[in-house]
C-alpha atoms as a PDB file:
ATOM      1  CA  MET A   1     -63.946 -88.416  27.916  1.00  0.00           C
ATOM      2  CA  GLU A   2     -60.870 -88.076  29.801  1.00  0.00           C
ATOM      3  CA  ARG A   3     -57.748 -86.560  28.182  1.00  0.00           C
ATOM      4  CA  SER A   4     -55.291 -88.211  30.503  1.00  0.00           C
ATOM      5  CA  ASN A   5     -54.707 -91.105  28.106  1.00  0.00           C
ATOM      6  CA  LYS A   6     -53.582 -88.822  25.340  1.00  0.00           C
ATOM      7  CA  LYS A   7     -49.943 -88.503  24.783  1.00  0.00           C
ATOM      8  CA  PRO A   8     -48.337 -85.003  24.776  1.00  0.00           C
ATOM      9  CA  GLY A   9     -48.312 -83.478  21.370  1.00  0.00           C
ATOM     10  CA  LYS A  10     -46.177 -81.189  19.455  1.00  0.00           C
ATOM     11  CA  MET A  11     -47.506 -78.154  21.073  1.00  0.00           C
ATOM     12  CA  GLN A  12     -46.768 -79.428  24.317  1.00  0.00           C
ATOM     13  CA  PHE A  13     -43.009 -80.116  23.347  1.00  0.00           C
ATOM     14  CA  ILE A  14     -42.804 -76.638  22.231  1.00  0.00           C
ATOM     15  CA  LYS A  15     -44.275 -75.228  25.456  1.00  0.00           C
ATOM     16  CA  SER A  16     -41.785 -77.084  27.320  1.00  0.00           C
ATOM     17  CA  PHE A  17     -38.846 -75.051  26.000  1.00  0.00           C
ATOM     18  CA  TYR A  18     -40.649 -71.827  27.064  1.00  0.00           C
ATOM     19  CA  ASN A  19     -41.305 -73.097  30.714  1.00  0.00           C
ATOM     20  CA  ASP A  20     -37.755 -74.670  31.144  1.00  0.00           C
ATOM     21  CA  PRO A  21     -35.281 -71.952  32.035  1.00  0.00           C
ATOM     22  CA  PHE A  22     -32.369 -73.960  30.783  1.00  0.00           C
ATOM     23  CA  ARG A  23     -34.042 -74.767  27.416  1.00  0.00           C
ATOM     24  CA  TRP A  24     -35.480 -71.267  26.909  1.00  0.00           C
ATOM     25  CA  SER A  25     -31.975 -69.907  27.538  1.00  0.00           C
ATOM     26  CA  LEU A  26     -30.364 -72.286  25.011  1.00  0.00           C
ATOM     27  CA  VAL A  27     -33.210 -71.239  22.477  1.00  0.00           C
ATOM     28  CA  LYS A  28     -32.279 -67.532  23.008  1.00  0.00           C
ATOM     29  CA  SER A  29     -28.691 -67.940  22.774  1.00  0.00           C
ATOM     30  CA  VAL A  30     -28.719 -70.002  19.565  1.00  0.00           C
ATOM     31  CA  ALA A  31     -31.224 -67.817  17.898  1.00  0.00           C
ATOM     32  CA  LEU A  32     -29.178 -64.602  18.692  1.00  0.00           C
ATOM     33  CA  PHE A  33     -25.941 -66.379  17.505  1.00  0.00           C
ATOM     34  CA  ALA A  34     -27.725 -67.489  14.257  1.00  0.00           C
ATOM     35  CA  LEU A  35     -28.662 -63.634  13.996  1.00  0.00           C
ATOM     36  CA  GLY A  36     -25.250 -62.446  14.637  1.00  0.00           C
ATOM     37  CA  VAL A  37     -23.841 -64.901  11.772  1.00  0.00           C
ATOM     38  CA  LYS A  38     -26.441 -63.587   9.480  1.00  0.00           C
ATOM     39  CA  LEU A  39     -25.506 -59.999  10.013  1.00  0.00           C
ATOM     40  CA  ALA A  40     -21.936 -60.692   9.781  1.00  0.00           C
ATOM     41  CA  ARG A  41     -22.455 -62.283   6.429  1.00  0.00           C
ATOM     42  CA  GLU A  42     -24.442 -59.325   5.278  1.00  0.00           C
ATOM     43  CA  ALA A  43     -21.745 -56.791   6.285  1.00  0.00           C
ATOM     44  CA  ILE A  44     -18.718 -58.327   4.813  1.00  0.00           C
ATOM     45  CA  GLY A  45     -18.199 -55.388   2.160  1.00  0.00           C
ATOM     46  CA  MET A  46     -19.094 -52.574   4.568  1.00  0.00           C
ATOM     47  CA  ASP A  47     -16.146 -50.477   5.370  1.00  0.00           C
ATOM     48  CA  LEU A  48     -16.782 -49.386   9.183  1.00  0.00           C
ATOM     49  CA  MET A  49     -13.719 -46.976   9.252  1.00  0.00           C
ATOM     50  CA  ALA A  50     -14.683 -44.983   6.264  1.00  0.00           C
ATOM     51  CA  PRO A  51     -13.410 -41.235   6.332  1.00  0.00           C
ATOM     52  CA  GLN A  52     -16.317 -38.821   7.083  1.00  0.00           C
ATOM     53  CA  ILE A  53     -17.233 -36.349   4.266  1.00  0.00           C
ATOM     54  CA  GLN A  54     -16.828 -32.699   5.463  1.00  0.00           C
END
């Protein structure tokens, strides 16, 4: 049985993102941007310039 007739599947599509430097960079950039947005939403009420207790 030859596998050459088979169409590429979902796993091959996902692997193509890792093997292509442009796509992999794009995936990492989008993921880090989404993480930054999530962190910014969580830190809305946080006072970064709060006075230190002595």
